[in-house]
């Protein structure tokens, strides 16, 4: 009997303990669930802020300029322009890939006669590979050195971003030609990309004689560049030179549907200074350093080629036009002809917007020693 009572008491005690454990577990789970809901709601609120549907364009290390929210009409602007205004002041970003010895070090950088500075994006592997094998190949030509760098930011997030960064790391291990910073590689950040490069140049390649600044979808003739630059009277890169496809007497595009839309909240003035199309232009080392110095006191404008013009204007310098720089494309007036005939391209310095396979083919064709072109071909106006 006593044994039975003891077993009953033990069973009751066990039940009480189990009930306590279960109740405590439920309370804990309720707390966790409540915290998870609070966290989810907080994140959901942050993700769906009315300010913008696009991710931050710059590194999270740079804080927002909260006063941008007070700009008249801010809430009506497209998301990417809101982001630009919030992060416009940011100019310092971690460097992921560096090339301190690209120019042989600062003291030896005058040995670089022409530095090819090519704007690229992480995804554009095929373009970079073609350029490395064609007009952007590093070489000694007519006694002077041509060197090459691609300037790149970052794109995507998470696993995709890491994979693309790994791609660039592998490329750089093999080719030693990539400068990369940790900012979002977007159209509105092209000016930032230019400033970061100029800062790098000031540190590691300050005495480079001349530069080609261009996109990774141009077809260029570096041999013609060398001939033109060596023909500059009394200018070995120590004097002003900035030439390309000259654009003047224009101002900001105010149509919100345009890729180049610049609202009054970004720039009030309806005037742009004279500038050269950003697809590609040539400049001296002196002018590159001058632009960098001017950039310290000029607020960033998202249209990078216009910003270069603003820096030149502040320095009292002017861009010039070069007939062989065709950033607006090559016009062939004749009908029923091959617009990609090499005779139209043999004498140019650069043409914007070429597909990679056409760059590869054209580079081979213009170097054909048996290529014969008439006078009309050489002037880029007639038929082959």
Foldseek 3Di string as FASTA:
>chain_A
DVVVVVVVVVVVVVVVVVVVVVVVVVVVVVVVVVVVVVVVVVVVCVCVPLQANDDQQWDPVAFFPVCLVVQPPNSVAYNVVNSCNRCLPDQDFDKDDDQLCQCPWAVNLLLAQEEEEAEDELVPPLLVVLCCVFQQPWDQDPNGTYTYAYQYEFADDDPVRVVSSVVVVVVCVVPVHYIYTHGHPDLLCVQSSLLVVLVSCVGRRLNHFKYKQAYSQKQFHVNLVVVVQVPDPPGSLQDWAKEAAKDAPFAADCDSVDPRHDHVSQPVDRGFAIFHDRRIIMIGSNLSNQLNVQVVPDRDGSNNRSSSRVSCVVVVHDYYYDPQHAAVFQDEPDPPADLLQLLLNLNHGMYGGHDSVSSNVSSVRSPPPPDDDDPCSNVNYHGD
